[in-house]
mmCIF file of all heavy atoms, coordinates in Angstrom:
data_MODEL
# 
_entry.id   MODEL 
# 
loop_
_atom_site.group_PDB 
_atom_site.id 
_atom_site.type_symbol 
_atom_site.label_atom_id 
_atom_site.label_alt_id 
_atom_site.label_comp_id 
_atom_site.label_asym_id 
_atom_site.label_entity_id 
_atom_site.label_seq_id 
_atom_site.pdbx_PDB_ins_code 
_atom_site.Cartn_x 
_atom_site.Cartn_y 
_atom_site.Cartn_z 
_atom_site.occupancy 
_atom_site.B_iso_or_equiv 
_atom_site.pdbx_formal_charge 
_atom_site.auth_seq_id 
_atom_site.auth_comp_id 
_atom_site.auth_asym_id 
_atom_site.auth_atom_id 
_atom_site.pdbx_PDB_model_num 
ATOM 1   N N   . CYS A 1 1  ? 10.829 -17.762 17.818  1.00 0.00 ? 1  CYS A N   1 
ATOM 2   C CA  . CYS A 1 1  ? 11.770 -18.262 16.803  1.00 0.00 ? 1  CYS A CA  1 
ATOM 3   C C   . CYS A 1 1  ? 11.057 -19.097 15.755  1.00 0.00 ? 1  CYS A C   1 
ATOM 4   O O   . CYS A 1 1  ? 11.160 -18.861 14.560  1.00 0.00 ? 1  CYS A O   1 
ATOM 5   C CB  . CYS A 1 1  ? 12.870 -19.070 17.464  1.00 0.00 ? 1  CYS A CB  1 
ATOM 6   S SG  . CYS A 1 1  ? 13.997 -19.848 16.317  1.00 0.00 ? 1  CYS A SG  1 
ATOM 7   N N   . TYR A 1 2  ? 10.255 -20.114 16.219  1.00 0.00 ? 2  TYR A N   1 
ATOM 8   C CA  . TYR A 1 2  ? 9.519  -20.951 15.296  1.00 0.00 ? 2  TYR A CA  1 
ATOM 9   C C   . TYR A 1 2  ? 8.501  -20.173 14.505  1.00 0.00 ? 2  TYR A C   1 
ATOM 10  O O   . TYR A 1 2  ? 8.312  -20.394 13.300  1.00 0.00 ? 2  TYR A O   1 
ATOM 11  C CB  . TYR A 1 2  ? 8.853  -22.098 16.060  1.00 0.00 ? 2  TYR A CB  1 
ATOM 12  C CG  . TYR A 1 2  ? 9.823  -23.098 16.661  1.00 0.00 ? 2  TYR A CG  1 
ATOM 13  C CD1 . TYR A 1 2  ? 9.827  -23.371 17.996  1.00 0.00 ? 2  TYR A CD1 1 
ATOM 14  C CD2 . TYR A 1 2  ? 10.761 -23.751 15.827  1.00 0.00 ? 2  TYR A CD2 1 
ATOM 15  C CE1 . TYR A 1 2  ? 10.745 -24.289 18.545  1.00 0.00 ? 2  TYR A CE1 1 
ATOM 16  C CE2 . TYR A 1 2  ? 11.669 -24.629 16.355  1.00 0.00 ? 2  TYR A CE2 1 
ATOM 17  C CZ  . TYR A 1 2  ? 11.647 -24.914 17.728  1.00 0.00 ? 2  TYR A CZ  1 
ATOM 18  O OH  . TYR A 1 2  ? 12.539 -25.807 18.237  1.00 0.00 ? 2  TYR A OH  1 
ATOM 19  N N   . ARG A 1 3  ? 7.860  -19.251 15.215  1.00 0.00 ? 3  ARG A N   1 
ATOM 20  C CA  . ARG A 1 3  ? 6.809  -18.436 14.553  1.00 0.00 ? 3  ARG A CA  1 
ATOM 21  C C   . ARG A 1 3  ? 7.417  -17.658 13.389  1.00 0.00 ? 3  ARG A C   1 
ATOM 22  O O   . ARG A 1 3  ? 6.831  -17.580 12.315  1.00 0.00 ? 3  ARG A O   1 
ATOM 23  C CB  . ARG A 1 3  ? 6.146  -17.499 15.559  1.00 0.00 ? 3  ARG A CB  1 
ATOM 24  C CG  . ARG A 1 3  ? 4.997  -16.739 14.975  1.00 0.00 ? 3  ARG A CG  1 
ATOM 25  C CD  . ARG A 1 3  ? 4.387  -15.796 15.988  1.00 0.00 ? 3  ARG A CD  1 
ATOM 26  N NE  . ARG A 1 3  ? 3.519  -14.824 15.351  1.00 0.00 ? 3  ARG A NE  1 
ATOM 27  C CZ  . ARG A 1 3  ? 2.966  -13.805 15.996  1.00 0.00 ? 3  ARG A CZ  1 
ATOM 28  N NH1 . ARG A 1 3  ? 3.180  -13.621 17.255  1.00 0.00 ? 3  ARG A NH1 1 
ATOM 29  N NH2 . ARG A 1 3  ? 2.191  -12.983 15.360  1.00 0.00 ? 3  ARG A NH2 1 
ATOM 30  N N   . GLU A 1 4  ? 8.581  -17.048 13.605  1.00 0.00 ? 4  GLU A N   1 
ATOM 31  C CA  . GLU A 1 4  ? 9.233  -16.269 12.555  1.00 0.00 ? 4  GLU A CA  1 
ATOM 32  C C   . GLU A 1 4  ? 9.615  -17.147 11.371  1.00 0.00 ? 4  GLU A C   1 
ATOM 33  O O   . GLU A 1 4  ? 9.385  -16.761 10.203  1.00 0.00 ? 4  GLU A O   1 
ATOM 34  C CB  . GLU A 1 4  ? 10.471 -15.568 13.095  1.00 0.00 ? 4  GLU A CB  1 
ATOM 35  C CG  . GLU A 1 4  ? 10.221 -14.376 14.005  1.00 0.00 ? 4  GLU A CG  1 
ATOM 36  C CD  . GLU A 1 4  ? 11.442 -13.808 14.651  1.00 0.00 ? 4  GLU A CD  1 
ATOM 37  O OE1 . GLU A 1 4  ? 12.551 -14.171 14.208  1.00 0.00 ? 4  GLU A OE1 1 
ATOM 38  O OE2 . GLU A 1 4  ? 11.316 -13.000 15.599  1.00 0.00 ? 4  GLU A OE2 1 
ATOM 39  N N   . ASN A 1 5  ? 10.131 -18.317 11.651  1.00 0.00 ? 5  ASN A N   1 
ATOM 40  C CA  . ASN A 1 5  ? 10.500 -19.266 10.581  1.00 0.00 ? 5  ASN A CA  1 
ATOM 41  C C   . ASN A 1 5  ? 9.272  -19.757 9.810   1.00 0.00 ? 5  ASN A C   1 
ATOM 42  O O   . ASN A 1 5  ? 9.306  -19.872 8.583   1.00 0.00 ? 5  ASN A O   1 
ATOM 43  C CB  . ASN A 1 5  ? 11.240 -20.467 11.157  1.00 0.00 ? 5  ASN A CB  1 
ATOM 44  C CG  . ASN A 1 5  ? 12.688 -20.156 11.505  1.00 0.00 ? 5  ASN A CG  1 
ATOM 45  O OD1 . ASN A 1 5  ? 13.231 -19.238 10.967  1.00 0.00 ? 5  ASN A OD1 1 
ATOM 46  N ND2 . ASN A 1 5  ? 13.251 -20.927 12.410  1.00 0.00 ? 5  ASN A ND2 1 
ATOM 47  N N   . ILE A 1 6  ? 8.177  -20.014 10.526  1.00 0.00 ? 6  ILE A N   1 
ATOM 48  C CA  . ILE A 1 6  ? 6.943  -20.448 9.882   1.00 0.00 ? 6  ILE A CA  1 
ATOM 49  C C   . ILE A 1 6  ? 6.405  -19.344 8.998   1.00 0.00 ? 6  ILE A C   1 
ATOM 50  O O   . ILE A 1 6  ? 6.004  -19.575 7.848   1.00 0.00 ? 6  ILE A O   1 
ATOM 51  C CB  . ILE A 1 6  ? 5.904  -20.872 10.944  1.00 0.00 ? 6  ILE A CB  1 
ATOM 52  C CG1 . ILE A 1 6  ? 6.352  -22.162 11.646  1.00 0.00 ? 6  ILE A CG1 1 
ATOM 53  C CG2 . ILE A 1 6  ? 4.516  -21.102 10.292  1.00 0.00 ? 6  ILE A CG2 1 
ATOM 54  C CD1 . ILE A 1 6  ? 5.526  -22.525 12.871  1.00 0.00 ? 6  ILE A CD1 1 
ATOM 55  N N   . LEU A 1 7  ? 6.412  -18.105 9.507   1.00 0.00 ? 7  LEU A N   1 
ATOM 56  C CA  . LEU A 1 7  ? 5.910  -16.946 8.754   1.00 0.00 ? 7  LEU A CA  1 
ATOM 57  C C   . LEU A 1 7  ? 6.733  -16.766 7.476   1.00 0.00 ? 7  LEU A C   1 
ATOM 58  O O   . LEU A 1 7  ? 6.183  -16.585 6.385   1.00 0.00 ? 7  LEU A O   1 
ATOM 59  C CB  . LEU A 1 7  ? 5.996  -15.695 9.621   1.00 0.00 ? 7  LEU A CB  1 
ATOM 60  C CG  . LEU A 1 7  ? 5.457  -14.403 8.990   1.00 0.00 ? 7  LEU A CG  1 
ATOM 61  C CD1 . LEU A 1 7  ? 3.994  -14.513 8.652   1.00 0.00 ? 7  LEU A CD1 1 
ATOM 62  C CD2 . LEU A 1 7  ? 5.685  -13.224 9.945   1.00 0.00 ? 7  LEU A CD2 1 
ATOM 63  N N   . LYS A 1 8  ? 8.047  -16.811 7.619   1.00 0.00 ? 8  LYS A N   1 
ATOM 64  C CA  . LYS A 1 8  ? 8.946  -16.617 6.452   1.00 0.00 ? 8  LYS A CA  1 
ATOM 65  C C   . LYS A 1 8  ? 8.733  -17.686 5.392   1.00 0.00 ? 8  LYS A C   1 
ATOM 66  O O   . LYS A 1 8  ? 8.655  -17.421 4.200   1.00 0.00 ? 8  LYS A O   1 
ATOM 67  C CB  . LYS A 1 8  ? 10.409 -16.617 6.952   1.00 0.00 ? 8  LYS A CB  1 
ATOM 68  C CG  . LYS A 1 8  ? 11.420 -16.298 5.878   1.00 0.00 ? 8  LYS A CG  1 
ATOM 69  C CD  . LYS A 1 8  ? 12.838 -16.219 6.466   1.00 0.00 ? 8  LYS A CD  1 
ATOM 70  C CE  . LYS A 1 8  ? 13.323 -17.601 6.863   1.00 0.00 ? 8  LYS A CE  1 
ATOM 71  N NZ  . LYS A 1 8  ? 14.729 -17.607 7.349   1.00 0.00 ? 8  LYS A NZ  1 
ATOM 72  N N   . THR A 1 9  ? 8.664  -18.973 5.836   1.00 0.00 ? 9  THR A N   1 
ATOM 73  C CA  . THR A 1 9  ? 8.489  -20.087 4.898   1.00 0.00 ? 9  THR A CA  1 
ATOM 74  C C   . THR A 1 9  ? 7.112  -20.059 4.267   1.00 0.00 ? 9  THR A C   1 
ATOM 75  O O   . THR A 1 9  ? 6.955  -20.367 3.083   1.00 0.00 ? 9  THR A O   1 
ATOM 76  C CB  . THR A 1 9  ? 8.743  -21.415 5.640   1.00 0.00 ? 9  THR A CB  1 
ATOM 77  O OG1 . THR A 1 9  ? 9.869  -21.330 6.471   1.00 0.00 ? 9  THR A OG1 1 
ATOM 78  C CG2 . THR A 1 9  ? 8.958  -22.538 4.642   1.00 0.00 ? 9  THR A CG2 1 
ATOM 79  N N   . ALA A 1 10 ? 6.102  -19.656 5.021   1.00 0.00 ? 10 ALA A N   1 
ATOM 80  C CA  . ALA A 1 10 ? 4.744  -19.585 4.477   1.00 0.00 ? 10 ALA A CA  1 
ATOM 81  C C   . ALA A 1 10 ? 4.666  -18.526 3.399   1.00 0.00 ? 10 ALA A C   1 
ATOM 82  O O   . ALA A 1 10 ? 3.982  -18.694 2.377   1.00 0.00 ? 10 ALA A O   1 
ATOM 83  C CB  . ALA A 1 10 ? 3.760  -19.273 5.610   1.00 0.00 ? 10 ALA A CB  1 
ATOM 84  N N   . LYS A 1 11 ? 5.351  -17.384 3.621   1.00 0.00 ? 11 LYS A N   1 
ATOM 85  C CA  . LYS A 1 11 ? 5.387  -16.334 2.598   1.00 0.00 ? 11 LYS A CA  1 
ATOM 86  C C   . LYS A 1 11 ? 6.038  -16.838 1.322   1.00 0.00 ? 11 LYS A C   1 
ATOM 87  O O   . LYS A 1 11 ? 5.564  -16.549 0.218   1.00 0.00 ? 11 LYS A O   1 
ATOM 88  C CB  . LYS A 1 11 ? 6.161  -15.110 3.136   1.00 0.00 ? 11 LYS A CB  1 
ATOM 89  C CG  . LYS A 1 11 ? 5.347  -14.228 4.076   1.00 0.00 ? 11 LYS A CG  1 
ATOM 90  C CD  . LYS A 1 11 ? 6.150  -13.041 4.482   1.00 0.00 ? 11 LYS A CD  1 
ATOM 91  C CE  . LYS A 1 11 ? 5.335  -12.116 5.371   1.00 0.00 ? 11 LYS A CE  1 
ATOM 92  N NZ  . LYS A 1 11 ? 6.146  -10.939 5.878   1.00 0.00 ? 11 LYS A NZ  1 
ATOM 93  N N   . ALA A 1 12 ? 7.076  -17.639 1.490   1.00 0.00 ? 12 ALA A N   1 
ATOM 94  C CA  . ALA A 1 12 ? 7.759  -18.220 0.305   1.00 0.00 ? 12 ALA A CA  1 
ATOM 95  C C   . ALA A 1 12 ? 6.813  -19.138 -0.445  1.00 0.00 ? 12 ALA A C   1 
ATOM 96  O O   . ALA A 1 12 ? 6.798  -19.194 -1.680  1.00 0.00 ? 12 ALA A O   1 
ATOM 97  C CB  . ALA A 1 12 ? 9.003  -18.980 0.753   1.00 0.00 ? 12 ALA A CB  1 
ATOM 98  N N   . LEU A 1 13 ? 5.987  -19.855 0.318   1.00 0.00 ? 13 LEU A N   1 
ATOM 99  C CA  . LEU A 1 13 ? 5.017  -20.792 -0.305  1.00 0.00 ? 13 LEU A CA  1 
ATOM 100 C C   . LEU A 1 13 ? 3.938  -20.062 -1.105  1.00 0.00 ? 13 LEU A C   1 
ATOM 101 O O   . LEU A 1 13 ? 3.514  -20.501 -2.154  1.00 0.00 ? 13 LEU A O   1 
ATOM 102 C CB  . LEU A 1 13 ? 4.393  -21.702 0.751   1.00 0.00 ? 13 LEU A CB  1 
ATOM 103 C CG  . LEU A 1 13 ? 3.570  -22.885 0.238   1.00 0.00 ? 13 LEU A CG  1 
ATOM 104 C CD1 . LEU A 1 13 ? 4.400  -23.776 -0.643  1.00 0.00 ? 13 LEU A CD1 1 
ATOM 105 C CD2 . LEU A 1 13 ? 2.993  -23.655 1.419   1.00 0.00 ? 13 LEU A CD2 1 
ATOM 106 N N   . VAL A 1 14 ? 3.542  -18.911 -0.572  1.00 0.00 ? 14 VAL A N   1 
ATOM 107 C CA  . VAL A 1 14 ? 2.538  -18.066 -1.301  1.00 0.00 ? 14 VAL A CA  1 
ATOM 108 C C   . VAL A 1 14 ? 3.150  -17.595 -2.654  1.00 0.00 ? 14 VAL A C   1 
ATOM 109 O O   . VAL A 1 14 ? 2.483  -17.585 -3.675  1.00 0.00 ? 14 VAL A O   1 
ATOM 110 C CB  . VAL A 1 14 ? 2.089  -16.886 -0.440  1.00 0.00 ? 14 VAL A CB  1 
ATOM 111 C CG1 . VAL A 1 14 ? 1.250  -15.881 -1.261  1.00 0.00 ? 14 VAL A CG1 1 
ATOM 112 C CG2 . VAL A 1 14 ? 1.290  -17.353 0.775   1.00 0.00 ? 14 VAL A CG2 1 
ATOM 113 N N   . GLU A 1 15 ? 4.430  -17.245 -2.607  1.00 0.00 ? 15 GLU A N   1 
ATOM 114 C CA  . GLU A 1 15 ? 5.121  -16.858 -3.842  1.00 0.00 ? 15 GLU A CA  1 
ATOM 115 C C   . GLU A 1 15 ? 5.179  -18.010 -4.828  1.00 0.00 ? 15 GLU A C   1 
ATOM 116 O O   . GLU A 1 15 ? 5.001  -17.835 -6.037  1.00 0.00 ? 15 GLU A O   1 
ATOM 117 C CB  . GLU A 1 15 ? 6.545  -16.313 -3.537  1.00 0.00 ? 15 GLU A CB  1 
ATOM 118 C CG  . GLU A 1 15 ? 6.567  -14.972 -2.791  1.00 0.00 ? 15 GLU A CG  1 
ATOM 119 C CD  . GLU A 1 15 ? 5.765  -13.912 -3.491  1.00 0.00 ? 15 GLU A CD  1 
ATOM 120 O OE1 . GLU A 1 15 ? 5.955  -13.703 -4.707  1.00 0.00 ? 15 GLU A OE1 1 
ATOM 121 O OE2 . GLU A 1 15 ? 4.921  -13.246 -2.835  1.00 0.00 ? 15 GLU A OE2 1 
ATOM 122 N N   . ASP A 1 16 ? 5.462  -19.218 -4.288  1.00 0.00 ? 16 ASP A N   1 
ATOM 123 C CA  . ASP A 1 16 ? 5.468  -20.414 -5.128  1.00 0.00 ? 16 ASP A CA  1 
ATOM 124 C C   . ASP A 1 16 ? 4.094  -20.671 -5.735  1.00 0.00 ? 16 ASP A C   1 
ATOM 125 O O   . ASP A 1 16 ? 3.983  -21.107 -6.883  1.00 0.00 ? 16 ASP A O   1 
ATOM 126 C CB  . ASP A 1 16 ? 5.870  -21.653 -4.285  1.00 0.00 ? 16 ASP A CB  1 
ATOM 127 C CG  . ASP A 1 16 ? 7.352  -21.686 -3.964  1.00 0.00 ? 16 ASP A CG  1 
ATOM 128 O OD1 . ASP A 1 16 ? 8.125  -21.068 -4.698  1.00 0.00 ? 16 ASP A OD1 1 
ATOM 129 O OD2 . ASP A 1 16 ? 7.699  -22.302 -2.957  1.00 0.00 ? 16 ASP A OD2 1 
ATOM 130 N N   . THR A 1 17 ? 3.045  -20.387 -4.993  1.00 0.00 ? 17 THR A N   1 
ATOM 131 C CA  . THR A 1 17 ? 1.677  -20.548 -5.476  1.00 0.00 ? 17 THR A CA  1 
ATOM 132 C C   . THR A 1 17 ? 1.419  -19.639 -6.690  1.00 0.00 ? 17 THR A C   1 
ATOM 133 O O   . THR A 1 17 ? 0.844  -20.056 -7.672  1.00 0.00 ? 17 THR A O   1 
ATOM 134 C CB  . THR A 1 17 ? 0.652  -20.221 -4.378  1.00 0.00 ? 17 THR A CB  1 
ATOM 135 O OG1 . THR A 1 17 ? 0.841  -21.114 -3.277  1.00 0.00 ? 17 THR A OG1 1 
ATOM 136 C CG2 . THR A 1 17 ? -0.771 -20.359 -4.841  1.00 0.00 ? 17 THR A CG2 1 
ATOM 137 N N   . LYS A 1 18 ? 1.877  -18.398 -6.568  1.00 0.00 ? 18 LYS A N   1 
ATOM 138 C CA  . LYS A 1 18 ? 1.727  -17.443 -7.674  1.00 0.00 ? 18 LYS A CA  1 
ATOM 139 C C   . LYS A 1 18 ? 2.474  -17.939 -8.932  1.00 0.00 ? 18 LYS A C   1 
ATOM 140 O O   . LYS A 1 18 ? 1.966  -17.843 -10.063 1.00 0.00 ? 18 LYS A O   1 
ATOM 141 C CB  . LYS A 1 18 ? 2.277  -16.074 -7.303  1.00 0.00 ? 18 LYS A CB  1 
ATOM 142 C CG  . LYS A 1 18 ? 1.435  -15.365 -6.228  1.00 0.00 ? 18 LYS A CG  1 
ATOM 143 C CD  . LYS A 1 18 ? 2.114  -14.047 -5.833  1.00 0.00 ? 18 LYS A CD  1 
ATOM 144 C CE  . LYS A 1 18 ? 1.374  -13.372 -4.650  1.00 0.00 ? 18 LYS A CE  1 
ATOM 145 N NZ  . LYS A 1 18 ? 2.106  -12.189 -4.183  1.00 0.00 ? 18 LYS A NZ  1 
ATOM 146 N N   . LEU A 1 19 ? 3.677  -18.494 -8.730  1.00 0.00 ? 19 LEU A N   1 
ATOM 147 C CA  . LEU A 1 19 ? 4.470  -19.005 -9.844  1.00 0.00 ? 19 LEU A CA  1 
ATOM 148 C C   . LEU A 1 19 ? 3.794  -20.230 -10.477 1.00 0.00 ? 19 LEU A C   1 
ATOM 149 O O   . LEU A 1 19 ? 3.846  -20.404 -11.695 1.00 0.00 ? 19 LEU A O   1 
ATOM 150 C CB  . LEU A 1 19 ? 5.885  -19.428 -9.351  1.00 0.00 ? 19 LEU A CB  1 
ATOM 151 C CG  . LEU A 1 19 ? 6.840  -18.261 -9.018  1.00 0.00 ? 19 LEU A CG  1 
ATOM 152 C CD1 . LEU A 1 19 ? 8.109  -18.793 -8.389  1.00 0.00 ? 19 LEU A CD1 1 
ATOM 153 C CD2 . LEU A 1 19 ? 7.149  -17.447 -10.281 1.00 0.00 ? 19 LEU A CD2 1 
ATOM 154 N N   . LEU A 1 20 ? 3.160  -21.056 -9.637  1.00 0.00 ? 20 LEU A N   1 
ATOM 155 C CA  . LEU A 1 20 ? 2.438  -22.216 -10.176 1.00 0.00 ? 20 LEU A CA  1 
ATOM 156 C C   . LEU A 1 20 ? 1.286  -21.784 -11.060 1.00 0.00 ? 20 LEU A C   1 
ATOM 157 O O   . LEU A 1 20 ? 1.088  -22.346 -12.149 1.00 0.00 ? 20 LEU A O   1 
ATOM 158 C CB  . LEU A 1 20 ? 1.920  -23.072 -9.031  1.00 0.00 ? 20 LEU A CB  1 
ATOM 159 C CG  . LEU A 1 20 ? 2.837  -24.166 -8.479  1.00 0.00 ? 20 LEU A CG  1 
ATOM 160 C CD1 . LEU A 1 20 ? 2.235  -24.776 -7.214  1.00 0.00 ? 20 LEU A CD1 1 
ATOM 161 C CD2 . LEU A 1 20 ? 3.104  -25.256 -9.491  1.00 0.00 ? 20 LEU A CD2 1 
ATOM 162 N N   . VAL A 1 21 ? 0.513  -20.807 -10.595 1.00 0.00 ? 21 VAL A N   1 
ATOM 163 C CA  . VAL A 1 21 ? -0.625 -20.347 -11.369 1.00 0.00 ? 21 VAL A CA  1 
ATOM 164 C C   . VAL A 1 21 ? -0.187 -19.702 -12.695 1.00 0.00 ? 21 VAL A C   1 
ATOM 165 O O   . VAL A 1 21 ? -0.740 -20.008 -13.725 1.00 0.00 ? 21 VAL A O   1 
ATOM 166 C CB  . VAL A 1 21 ? -1.470 -19.337 -10.518 1.00 0.00 ? 21 VAL A CB  1 
ATOM 167 C CG1 . VAL A 1 21 ? -2.599 -18.742 -11.360 1.00 0.00 ? 21 VAL A CG1 1 
ATOM 168 C CG2 . VAL A 1 21 ? -2.048 -20.026 -9.284  1.00 0.00 ? 21 VAL A CG2 1 
ATOM 169 N N   . SER A 1 22 ? 0.837  -18.842 -12.610 1.00 0.00 ? 22 SER A N   1 
ATOM 170 C CA  . SER A 1 22 ? 1.329  -18.211 -13.826 1.00 0.00 ? 22 SER A CA  1 
ATOM 171 C C   . SER A 1 22 ? 2.040  -19.221 -14.735 1.00 0.00 ? 22 SER A C   1 
ATOM 172 O O   . SER A 1 22 ? 2.044  -19.081 -15.952 1.00 0.00 ? 22 SER A O   1 
ATOM 173 C CB  . SER A 1 22 ? 2.282  -17.050 -13.496 1.00 0.00 ? 22 SER A CB  1 
ATOM 174 O OG  . SER A 1 22 ? 3.420  -17.528 -12.811 1.00 0.00 ? 22 SER A OG  1 
ATOM 175 N N   . GLY A 1 23 ? 2.582  -20.292 -14.122 1.00 0.00 ? 23 GLY A N   1 
ATOM 176 C CA  . GLY A 1 23 ? 3.311  -21.320 -14.892 1.00 0.00 ? 23 GLY A CA  1 
ATOM 177 C C   . GLY A 1 23 ? 2.424  -22.118 -15.796 1.00 0.00 ? 23 GLY A C   1 
ATOM 178 O O   . GLY A 1 23 ? 2.881  -22.677 -16.799 1.00 0.00 ? 23 GLY A O   1 
ATOM 179 N N   . ALA A 1 24 ? 1.128  -22.124 -15.490 1.00 0.00 ? 24 ALA A N   1 
ATOM 180 C CA  . ALA A 1 24 ? 0.181  -22.884 -16.331 1.00 0.00 ? 24 ALA A CA  1 
ATOM 181 C C   . ALA A 1 24 ? 0.133  -22.291 -17.754 1.00 0.00 ? 24 ALA A C   1 
ATOM 182 O O   . ALA A 1 24 ? -0.183 -22.987 -18.704 1.00 0.00 ? 24 ALA A O   1 
ATOM 183 C CB  . ALA A 1 24 ? -1.191 -22.862 -15.711 1.00 0.00 ? 24 ALA A CB  1 
ATOM 184 N N   . ALA A 1 25 ? 0.413  -20.997 -17.827 1.00 0.00 ? 25 ALA A N   1 
ATOM 185 C CA  . ALA A 1 25 ? 0.346  -20.330 -19.142 1.00 0.00 ? 25 ALA A CA  1 
ATOM 186 C C   . ALA A 1 25 ? 1.722  -20.214 -19.793 1.00 0.00 ? 25 ALA A C   1 
ATOM 187 O O   . ALA A 1 25 ? 1.855  -19.653 -20.882 1.00 0.00 ? 25 ALA A O   1 
ATOM 188 C CB  . ALA A 1 25 ? -0.267 -18.930 -18.968 1.00 0.00 ? 25 ALA A CB  1 
ATOM 189 N N   . SER A 1 26 ? 2.772  -20.705 -19.120 1.00 0.00 ? 26 SER A N   1 
ATOM 190 C CA  . SER A 1 26 ? 4.117  -20.568 -19.704 1.00 0.00 ? 26 SER A CA  1 
ATOM 191 C C   . SER A 1 26 ? 4.687  -21.948 -20.080 1.00 0.00 ? 26 SER A C   1 
ATOM 192 O O   . SER A 1 26 ? 3.924  -22.925 -20.271 1.00 0.00 ? 26 SER A O   1 
ATOM 193 C CB  . SER A 1 26 ? 5.054  -19.877 -18.699 1.00 0.00 ? 26 SER A CB  1 
ATOM 194 O OG  . SER A 1 26 ? 5.080  -20.586 -17.479 1.00 0.00 ? 26 SER A OG  1 
ATOM 195 N N   . SER A 1 27 ? 5.961  -22.069 -20.158 1.00 0.00 ? 27 SER A N   1 
ATOM 196 C CA  . SER A 1 27 ? 6.561  -23.316 -20.641 1.00 0.00 ? 27 SER A CA  1 
ATOM 197 C C   . SER A 1 27 ? 6.530  -24.431 -19.599 1.00 0.00 ? 27 SER A C   1 
ATOM 198 O O   . SER A 1 27 ? 6.375  -24.194 -18.408 1.00 0.00 ? 27 SER A O   1 
ATOM 199 C CB  . SER A 1 27 ? 8.051  -23.036 -21.020 1.00 0.00 ? 27 SER A CB  1 
ATOM 200 O OG  . SER A 1 27 ? 8.780  -22.739 -19.838 1.00 0.00 ? 27 SER A OG  1 
ATOM 201 N N   . GLN A 1 28 ? 6.705  -25.668 -20.096 1.00 0.00 ? 28 GLN A N   1 
ATOM 202 C CA  . GLN A 1 28 ? 6.735  -26.826 -19.241 1.00 0.00 ? 28 GLN A CA  1 
ATOM 203 C C   . GLN A 1 28 ? 7.904  -26.741 -18.222 1.00 0.00 ? 28 GLN A C   1 
ATOM 204 O O   . GLN A 1 28 ? 7.761  -27.184 -17.056 1.00 0.00 ? 28 GLN A O   1 
ATOM 205 C CB  . GLN A 1 28 ? 6.850  -28.125 -20.056 1.00 0.00 ? 28 GLN A CB  1 
ATOM 206 C CG  . GLN A 1 28 ? 5.592  -28.473 -20.846 1.00 0.00 ? 28 GLN A CG  1 
ATOM 207 C CD  . GLN A 1 28 ? 4.454  -28.920 -19.956 1.00 0.00 ? 28 GLN A CD  1 
ATOM 208 O OE1 . GLN A 1 28 ? 4.663  -29.680 -19.035 1.00 0.00 ? 28 GLN A OE1 1 
ATOM 209 N NE2 . GLN A 1 28 ? 3.268  -28.422 -20.239 1.00 0.00 ? 28 GLN A NE2 1 
ATOM 210 N N   . ASP A 1 29 ? 9.022  -26.194 -18.700 1.00 0.00 ? 29 ASP A N   1 
ATOM 211 C CA  . ASP A 1 29 ? 10.198 -26.045 -17.820 1.00 0.00 ? 29 ASP A CA  1 
ATOM 212 C C   . ASP A 1 29 ? 9.904  -25.148 -16.626 1.00 0.00 ? 29 ASP A C   1 
ATOM 213 O O   . ASP A 1 29 ? 10.247 -25.487 -15.483 1.00 0.00 ? 29 ASP A O   1 
ATOM 214 C CB  . ASP A 1 29 ? 11.403 -25.475 -18.618 1.00 0.00 ? 29 ASP A CB  1 
ATOM 215 C CG  . ASP A 1 29 ? 12.025 -26.538 -19.496 1.00 0.00 ? 29 ASP A CG  1 
ATOM 216 O OD1 . ASP A 1 29 ? 11.677 -27.723 -19.332 1.00 0.00 ? 29 ASP A OD1 1 
ATOM 217 O OD2 . ASP A 1 29 ? 12.845 -26.173 -20.373 1.00 0.00 ? 29 ASP A OD2 1 
# 
């Protein structure tokens, strides 16, 4: 149960990482 939740949340964090990197070239918002 914990492993599945950790895996799912970690994947979401990787997506957030991509958005952060691309966000550097976009708007402040």
